[in-house]
Amino acid sequence: MPLELVPEFFRAFANNAGLTLHLRLLAGFNSHHVIEAVFKGCARALRQAVALSGPLDEVPSTKGSL
């Protein structure tokens, strides 16, 4: 996958998934490792975002009800 298509991939992914996605490059020189870290970081964040937590019979709301 060409380096130029990585931002386009994440833009299309966020638009089609209907989510807000913030990606920042804090450090890195090797393009392969930078891209690998961005994909891995995004995957870990998504896994955390969709993980169930707490009892399954409770309403997932900060107010306690919908």
N, C-alpha and C. Protein backbone atom coordinates (compact mmCIF):
# COMPACT_ATOMS: atom_id res chain seq x y z
N MET A 1 0.86 -1.18 0.00
CA MET A 1 0.00 0.00 0.00
C MET A 1 0.90 1.24 0.00
N PRO A 2 0.73 2.11 -0.96
CA PRO A 2 1.57 3.32 -1.02
C PRO A 2 1.32 4.23 0.20
N LEU A 3 2.36 4.87 0.64
CA LEU A 3 2.32 5.76 1.80
C LEU A 3 1.26 6.85 1.63
N GLU A 4 1.08 7.34 0.42
CA GLU A 4 0.13 8.42 0.18
C GLU A 4 -1.32 8.01 0.44
N LEU A 5 -1.61 6.71 0.42
CA LEU A 5 -2.97 6.24 0.60
C LEU A 5 -3.37 6.03 2.06
N VAL A 6 -2.42 6.07 2.97
CA VAL A 6 -2.73 5.84 4.39
C VAL A 6 -3.68 6.92 4.94
N PRO A 7 -3.40 8.21 4.77
CA PRO A 7 -4.36 9.21 5.25
C PRO A 7 -5.72 9.07 4.58
N GLU A 8 -5.72 8.73 3.30
CA GLU A 8 -6.98 8.56 2.57
C GLU A 8 -7.76 7.36 3.11
N PHE A 9 -7.06 6.30 3.47
CA PHE A 9 -7.72 5.13 4.05
C PHE A 9 -8.41 5.50 5.36
N PHE A 10 -7.70 6.19 6.26
CA PHE A 10 -8.29 6.54 7.55
C PHE A 10 -9.41 7.56 7.40
N ARG A 11 -9.31 8.45 6.44
CA ARG A 11 -10.38 9.42 6.19
C ARG A 11 -11.64 8.68 5.73
N ALA A 12 -11.49 7.75 4.80
CA ALA A 12 -12.63 6.98 4.31
C ALA A 12 -13.19 6.08 5.41
N PHE A 13 -12.31 5.48 6.20
CA PHE A 13 -12.74 4.62 7.29
C PHE A 13 -13.59 5.40 8.29
N ALA A 14 -13.11 6.57 8.71
CA ALA A 14 -13.83 7.38 9.69
C ALA A 14 -15.16 7.87 9.11
N ASN A 15 -15.16 8.31 7.88
CA ASN A 15 -16.40 8.81 7.26
C ASN A 15 -17.44 7.70 7.12
N ASN A 16 -17.03 6.54 6.66
CA ASN A 16 -17.97 5.45 6.45
C ASN A 16 -18.41 4.79 7.75
N ALA A 17 -17.58 4.84 8.77
CA ALA A 17 -17.94 4.27 10.07
C ALA A 17 -18.75 5.27 10.90
N GLY A 18 -18.76 6.52 10.48
CA GLY A 18 -19.49 7.55 11.21
C GLY A 18 -18.88 7.86 12.55
N LEU A 19 -17.57 7.94 12.59
CA LEU A 19 -16.89 8.22 13.85
C LEU A 19 -15.88 9.34 13.69
N THR A 20 -15.49 9.90 14.81
CA THR A 20 -14.45 10.91 14.82
C THR A 20 -13.14 10.22 15.16
N LEU A 21 -12.13 10.46 14.37
CA LEU A 21 -10.86 9.77 14.53
C LEU A 21 -9.74 10.80 14.55
N HIS A 22 -8.96 10.81 15.63
CA HIS A 22 -7.81 11.71 15.74
C HIS A 22 -6.54 10.87 15.74
N LEU A 23 -5.68 11.09 14.76
CA LEU A 23 -4.40 10.39 14.69
C LEU A 23 -3.29 11.43 14.67
N ARG A 24 -2.33 11.24 15.57
CA ARG A 24 -1.19 12.16 15.60
C ARG A 24 0.10 11.37 15.57
N LEU A 25 1.05 11.82 14.79
CA LEU A 25 2.37 11.23 14.75
C LEU A 25 3.25 11.99 15.74
N LEU A 26 3.62 11.34 16.81
CA LEU A 26 4.44 11.99 17.83
C LEU A 26 5.92 11.83 17.55
N ALA A 27 6.32 10.72 16.97
CA ALA A 27 7.73 10.48 16.68
C ALA A 27 7.83 9.37 15.65
N GLY A 28 8.94 9.33 14.96
CA GLY A 28 9.19 8.24 14.02
C GLY A 28 9.84 8.74 12.75
N PHE A 29 10.68 7.89 12.19
CA PHE A 29 11.39 8.25 10.96
C PHE A 29 11.13 7.25 9.84
N ASN A 30 11.05 5.98 10.19
CA ASN A 30 10.85 4.93 9.21
C ASN A 30 9.36 4.85 8.86
N SER A 31 9.01 5.09 7.62
CA SER A 31 7.61 5.13 7.20
C SER A 31 6.88 3.84 7.50
N HIS A 32 7.54 2.71 7.28
CA HIS A 32 6.91 1.42 7.54
C HIS A 32 6.51 1.29 9.01
N HIS A 33 7.39 1.65 9.90
CA HIS A 33 7.12 1.52 11.33
C HIS A 33 6.09 2.55 11.80
N VAL A 34 6.10 3.72 11.22
CA VAL A 34 5.13 4.75 11.56
C VAL A 34 3.72 4.29 11.17
N ILE A 35 3.57 3.79 9.94
CA ILE A 35 2.28 3.31 9.47
C ILE A 35 1.81 2.13 10.30
N GLU A 36 2.73 1.23 10.61
CA GLU A 36 2.40 0.07 11.44
C GLU A 36 1.89 0.51 12.81
N ALA A 37 2.53 1.50 13.40
CA ALA A 37 2.12 2.00 14.71
C ALA A 37 0.76 2.69 14.65
N VAL A 38 0.49 3.42 13.58
CA VAL A 38 -0.80 4.10 13.43
C VAL A 38 -1.93 3.08 13.33
N PHE A 39 -1.75 2.04 12.51
CA PHE A 39 -2.78 1.02 12.37
C PHE A 39 -2.97 0.27 13.68
N LYS A 40 -1.88 -0.07 14.36
CA LYS A 40 -1.98 -0.80 15.62
C LYS A 40 -2.65 0.06 16.69
N GLY A 41 -2.30 1.32 16.77
CA GLY A 41 -2.91 2.21 17.73
C GLY A 41 -4.39 2.39 17.49
N CYS A 42 -4.77 2.52 16.23
CA CYS A 42 -6.19 2.65 15.88
C CYS A 42 -6.95 1.38 16.25
N ALA A 43 -6.38 0.23 15.96
CA ALA A 43 -7.02 -1.04 16.29
C ALA A 43 -7.20 -1.20 17.80
N ARG A 44 -6.19 -0.84 18.57
CA ARG A 44 -6.30 -0.97 20.03
C ARG A 44 -7.35 -0.02 20.59
N ALA A 45 -7.42 1.20 20.04
CA ALA A 45 -8.43 2.16 20.50
C ALA A 45 -9.83 1.67 20.17
N LEU A 46 -10.01 1.12 18.97
CA LEU A 46 -11.32 0.60 18.58
C LEU A 46 -11.73 -0.58 19.46
N ARG A 47 -10.77 -1.46 19.75
CA ARG A 47 -11.09 -2.60 20.61
C ARG A 47 -11.54 -2.13 21.99
N GLN A 48 -10.87 -1.12 22.51
CA GLN A 48 -11.24 -0.58 23.82
C GLN A 48 -12.60 0.12 23.74
N ALA A 49 -12.88 0.81 22.65
CA ALA A 49 -14.13 1.56 22.52
C ALA A 49 -15.35 0.65 22.44
N VAL A 50 -15.21 -0.52 21.84
CA VAL A 50 -16.37 -1.39 21.67
C VAL A 50 -16.46 -2.47 22.74
N ALA A 51 -15.50 -2.51 23.66
CA ALA A 51 -15.50 -3.55 24.70
C ALA A 51 -16.64 -3.32 25.69
N LEU A 52 -17.28 -4.41 26.07
CA LEU A 52 -18.32 -4.34 27.08
C LEU A 52 -17.65 -4.24 28.45
N SER A 53 -18.21 -3.42 29.30
CA SER A 53 -17.67 -3.30 30.65
C SER A 53 -18.83 -3.22 31.63
N GLY A 54 -18.61 -3.76 32.79
CA GLY A 54 -19.67 -3.74 33.80
C GLY A 54 -20.69 -4.82 33.54
N PRO A 55 -21.67 -4.90 34.41
CA PRO A 55 -22.74 -5.89 34.23
C PRO A 55 -23.52 -5.63 32.94
N LEU A 56 -23.85 -6.71 32.24
CA LEU A 56 -24.52 -6.58 30.94
C LEU A 56 -25.98 -6.17 31.07
N ASP A 57 -26.55 -6.26 32.27
CA ASP A 57 -27.95 -5.87 32.43
C ASP A 57 -28.13 -4.40 32.78
N GLU A 58 -27.02 -3.69 32.94
CA GLU A 58 -27.11 -2.25 33.24
C GLU A 58 -27.14 -1.45 31.95
N VAL A 59 -27.77 -0.29 32.00
CA VAL A 59 -27.82 0.60 30.84
C VAL A 59 -26.47 1.31 30.72
N PRO A 60 -25.82 1.26 29.54
CA PRO A 60 -24.52 1.89 29.37
C PRO A 60 -24.65 3.40 29.22
N SER A 61 -24.90 4.10 30.32
CA SER A 61 -25.11 5.54 30.29
C SER A 61 -24.46 6.16 31.51
N THR A 62 -23.94 7.35 31.38
CA THR A 62 -23.35 8.04 32.52
C THR A 62 -24.42 8.53 33.48
N LYS A 63 -25.66 8.67 33.01
CA LYS A 63 -26.76 9.13 33.84
C LYS A 63 -27.50 7.97 34.51
N GLY A 64 -27.26 6.73 34.04
CA GLY A 64 -27.92 5.58 34.63
C GLY A 64 -29.19 5.18 33.91
N SER A 65 -29.68 6.01 33.00
CA SER A 65 -30.87 5.69 32.23
C SER A 65 -30.83 6.42 30.91
N LEU A 66 -31.60 5.96 29.98
CA LEU A 66 -31.65 6.62 28.67
C LEU A 66 -32.86 7.50 28.56
